[in-house]
Amino acid sequence: MDVEPVVEVVGQSPAPEVEYRIIGDADDEPPESTTAAKNEDADDEDTDENAAIKRAKTLWKEQHPGETLKEQRRRLRSGEIDQLPWMTMLDEANLPMSTFGAKWPLAAVKGDQFIKTDRLPTEVYKYNGEEWILLDKNMSDVYAYNDNYIDFLIEKISQGEYDPELLNDAERAQIETRLRKGIA
């Protein structure tokens, strides 16, 4: 049996990437690296960004769907603008957010909550600055005040894709409130 010799690496290693550790099913894949670009606007300038900048770009892009990040970078290089427009959104991007979906967020800041919707029942996770931690949905109801999530549940229930028996009290109360008001 051949054994490779251990080679000592000398020098400074690059800064570590944020590592996500998922608590749950072993077959669930962790989120992709936070340095991986996931849209057509990505380029070399994105590799050293922190989570707040990535989130600021996402917020800006949601508010400006017809514009591209690449075009804004070109405008900055040509002197048309003094700074990238999403940099004015850093304060907002540093605030914890509550989101949901089947795929893990690419960028997270401490305090973020994420509702994993590809599980039955859905599961709530909170980012502690280093990893996503599974929360007991019955111990916190903050996530249930996300109107988009409640609308998602209403739609899935109406399509027969989610069993109402899997709802906890907070989800049930918010759904009832929205249906009574005729919002959904």
Protein backbone atom coordinates (compact mmCIF):
# COMPACT_ATOMS: atom_id res chain seq x y z
CA MET A 1 0.00 0.00 0.00
CA ASP A 2 1.48 3.36 -1.06
CA VAL A 3 1.21 6.22 1.39
CA GLU A 4 1.63 9.84 0.39
CA PRO A 5 4.04 11.75 2.66
CA VAL A 6 2.58 14.58 4.72
CA VAL A 7 3.63 17.91 3.30
CA GLU A 8 3.79 20.91 5.60
CA VAL A 9 2.27 24.04 4.08
CA VAL A 10 4.19 27.19 4.84
CA GLY A 11 2.68 30.64 4.55
CA GLN A 12 -0.61 32.27 5.28
CA SER A 13 -3.80 30.52 4.29
CA PRO A 14 -6.68 32.46 2.78
CA ALA A 15 -9.53 33.61 5.02
CA PRO A 16 -11.98 30.79 5.67
CA GLU A 17 -15.34 30.81 3.96
CA VAL A 18 -18.49 30.81 6.05
CA GLU A 19 -19.38 27.21 6.69
CA TYR A 20 -23.00 26.15 7.01
CA ARG A 21 -23.77 23.09 9.04
CA ILE A 22 -27.26 21.80 8.56
CA ILE A 23 -29.00 19.95 11.32
CA GLY A 24 -31.45 17.48 9.87
CA ASP A 25 -31.55 14.91 7.15
CA ALA A 26 -28.20 13.52 6.09
CA ASP A 27 -29.22 13.66 2.44
CA ASP A 28 -29.94 17.40 2.63
CA GLU A 29 -27.18 19.30 0.89
CA PRO A 30 -25.73 22.31 2.69
CA PRO A 31 -25.95 25.69 1.03
CA GLU A 32 -23.36 26.44 -1.57
CA SER A 33 -20.36 28.53 -0.60
CA THR A 34 -21.18 32.12 0.22
CA THR A 35 -18.54 33.18 -2.30
CA ALA A 36 -20.21 31.34 -5.16
CA ALA A 37 -21.96 33.73 -7.51
CA LYS A 38 -25.45 32.64 -8.48
CA ASN A 39 -26.66 35.11 -11.08
CA GLU A 40 -25.63 36.28 -14.50
CA ASP A 41 -24.24 39.52 -13.08
CA ALA A 42 -21.52 37.75 -11.11
CA ASP A 43 -17.90 38.36 -11.95
CA ASP A 44 -14.45 38.47 -10.34
CA GLU A 45 -15.35 41.48 -8.19
CA ASP A 46 -17.74 39.38 -6.08
CA THR A 47 -15.25 36.93 -4.61
CA ASP A 48 -14.32 38.88 -1.46
CA GLU A 49 -17.73 40.20 -0.46
CA ASN A 50 -19.23 39.76 2.94
CA ALA A 51 -22.80 38.71 3.58
CA ALA A 52 -24.07 42.28 4.06
CA ILE A 53 -22.82 43.38 0.64
CA LYS A 54 -24.32 40.33 -1.05
CA ARG A 55 -27.63 41.02 0.66
CA ALA A 56 -27.48 44.71 -0.23
CA LYS A 57 -27.03 43.71 -3.88
CA THR A 58 -29.98 41.35 -3.63
CA LEU A 59 -32.18 44.06 -2.09
CA TRP A 60 -31.11 46.59 -4.74
CA LYS A 61 -31.74 44.06 -7.53
CA GLU A 62 -35.25 43.34 -6.19
CA GLN A 63 -35.99 47.07 -6.32
CA HIS A 64 -34.40 47.52 -9.78
CA PRO A 65 -35.26 44.36 -11.76
CA GLY A 66 -34.57 45.98 -15.13
CA GLU A 67 -31.00 46.98 -14.26
CA THR A 68 -27.89 44.84 -13.91
CA LEU A 69 -25.08 44.79 -11.39
CA LYS A 70 -22.59 44.64 -14.23
CA GLU A 71 -23.97 47.84 -15.75
CA GLN A 72 -23.67 49.63 -12.41
CA ARG A 73 -20.03 48.52 -12.09
CA ARG A 74 -19.38 49.82 -15.61
CA ARG A 75 -20.98 53.15 -14.70
CA LEU A 76 -18.74 53.39 -11.61
CA ARG A 77 -15.58 52.66 -13.62
CA SER A 78 -16.53 55.27 -16.23
CA GLY A 79 -17.19 57.90 -13.54
CA GLU A 80 -20.94 58.22 -14.24
CA ILE A 81 -21.67 57.39 -10.57
CA ASP A 82 -19.60 57.91 -7.41
CA GLN A 83 -20.46 54.60 -5.74
CA LEU A 84 -22.28 51.40 -6.43
CA PRO A 85 -25.96 51.98 -5.66
CA TRP A 86 -26.36 48.97 -3.37
CA MET A 87 -23.70 50.31 -1.03
CA THR A 88 -26.30 52.78 0.28
CA MET A 89 -28.34 49.77 1.43
CA LEU A 90 -25.76 48.25 3.78
CA ASP A 91 -27.58 49.31 6.95
CA GLU A 92 -30.75 47.60 5.77
CA ALA A 93 -28.76 44.56 4.62
CA ASN A 94 -27.22 44.13 8.09
CA LEU A 95 -30.63 43.73 9.71
CA PRO A 96 -31.79 40.16 10.38
CA MET A 97 -34.30 38.90 7.85
CA SER A 98 -36.85 36.13 7.84
CA THR A 99 -37.04 34.29 4.53
CA PHE A 100 -38.28 30.93 3.32
CA GLY A 101 -37.76 28.48 0.52
CA ALA A 102 -36.43 25.10 -0.49
CA LYS A 103 -32.87 26.36 -1.06
CA TRP A 104 -30.68 27.83 1.64
CA PRO A 105 -29.83 31.53 1.41
CA LEU A 106 -26.45 32.27 -0.15
CA ALA A 107 -25.66 35.03 2.33
CA ALA A 108 -26.76 35.27 5.94
CA VAL A 109 -26.14 37.57 8.88
CA LYS A 110 -26.47 36.74 12.55
CA GLY A 111 -30.11 36.63 13.57
CA ASP A 112 -31.53 35.64 10.19
CA GLN A 113 -34.35 33.13 10.23
CA PHE A 114 -35.01 30.74 7.37
CA ILE A 115 -38.06 28.53 6.95
CA LYS A 116 -37.17 25.37 5.06
CA THR A 117 -40.25 24.63 2.94
CA ASP A 118 -39.16 21.36 1.37
CA ARG A 119 -39.84 19.57 4.66
CA LEU A 120 -43.16 18.43 6.08
CA PRO A 121 -43.82 20.12 8.37
CA THR A 122 -41.72 23.13 7.46
CA GLU A 123 -38.72 23.77 9.71
CA VAL A 124 -37.40 27.04 11.08
CA TYR A 125 -33.67 27.72 11.34
CA LYS A 126 -31.78 30.66 12.80
CA TYR A 127 -28.30 31.75 11.79
CA ASN A 128 -26.06 32.37 14.81
CA GLY A 129 -23.22 33.95 12.84
CA GLU A 130 -21.54 30.62 12.11
CA GLU A 131 -24.20 28.01 11.39
CA TRP A 132 -27.92 27.43 10.91
CA ILE A 133 -29.57 26.06 14.05
CA LEU A 134 -32.91 24.27 14.00
CA LEU A 135 -35.51 26.06 16.14
CA ASP A 136 -38.58 24.61 17.79
CA LYS A 137 -41.45 26.27 15.89
CA ASN A 138 -43.59 26.09 19.02
CA MET A 139 -41.12 28.18 21.03
CA SER A 140 -41.08 31.19 18.70
CA ASP A 141 -43.74 32.65 16.45
CA VAL A 142 -41.77 35.50 14.88
CA TYR A 143 -41.43 33.62 11.59
CA ALA A 144 -45.23 33.29 11.35
CA TYR A 145 -45.58 37.05 10.84
CA ASN A 146 -43.96 36.81 7.41
CA ASP A 147 -46.94 37.55 5.16
CA ASN A 148 -45.28 35.96 2.13
CA TYR A 149 -44.74 32.74 4.08
CA ILE A 150 -48.36 32.69 5.25
CA ASP A 151 -49.51 33.27 1.65
CA PHE A 152 -47.23 30.39 0.60
CA LEU A 153 -48.87 28.09 3.18
CA ILE A 154 -52.37 29.16 2.11
CA GLU A 155 -51.54 28.37 -1.50
CA LYS A 156 -49.99 24.98 -0.68
CA ILE A 157 -52.96 24.02 1.51
CA SER A 158 -55.46 25.08 -1.16
CA GLN A 159 -53.60 22.98 -3.74
CA GLY A 160 -53.56 19.98 -1.40
CA GLU A 161 -49.76 20.02 -1.14
CA TYR A 162 -49.63 20.77 2.60
CA ASP A 163 -51.65 19.12 5.34
CA PRO A 164 -53.32 21.70 7.63
CA GLU A 165 -52.80 19.25 10.50
CA LEU A 166 -49.05 20.00 10.25
CA LEU A 167 -49.59 23.69 11.07
CA ASN A 168 -48.71 24.86 14.55
CA ASP A 169 -50.87 27.32 16.50
CA ALA A 170 -49.00 30.44 15.32
CA GLU A 171 -49.25 29.48 11.64
CA ARG A 172 -52.91 28.52 12.01
CA ALA A 173 -53.74 31.84 13.71
CA GLN A 174 -51.98 33.91 11.05
CA ILE A 175 -53.67 32.00 8.23
CA GLU A 176 -57.08 32.49 9.85
CA THR A 177 -56.40 36.21 10.31
CA ARG A 178 -55.37 36.66 6.66
CA LEU A 179 -58.35 34.68 5.36
CA ARG A 180 -60.78 36.62 7.56
CA LYS A 181 -59.42 39.90 6.21
CA GLY A 182 -59.59 38.55 2.66
CA ILE A 183 -55.92 39.42 2.11
CA ALA A 184 -54.78 36.12 0.67
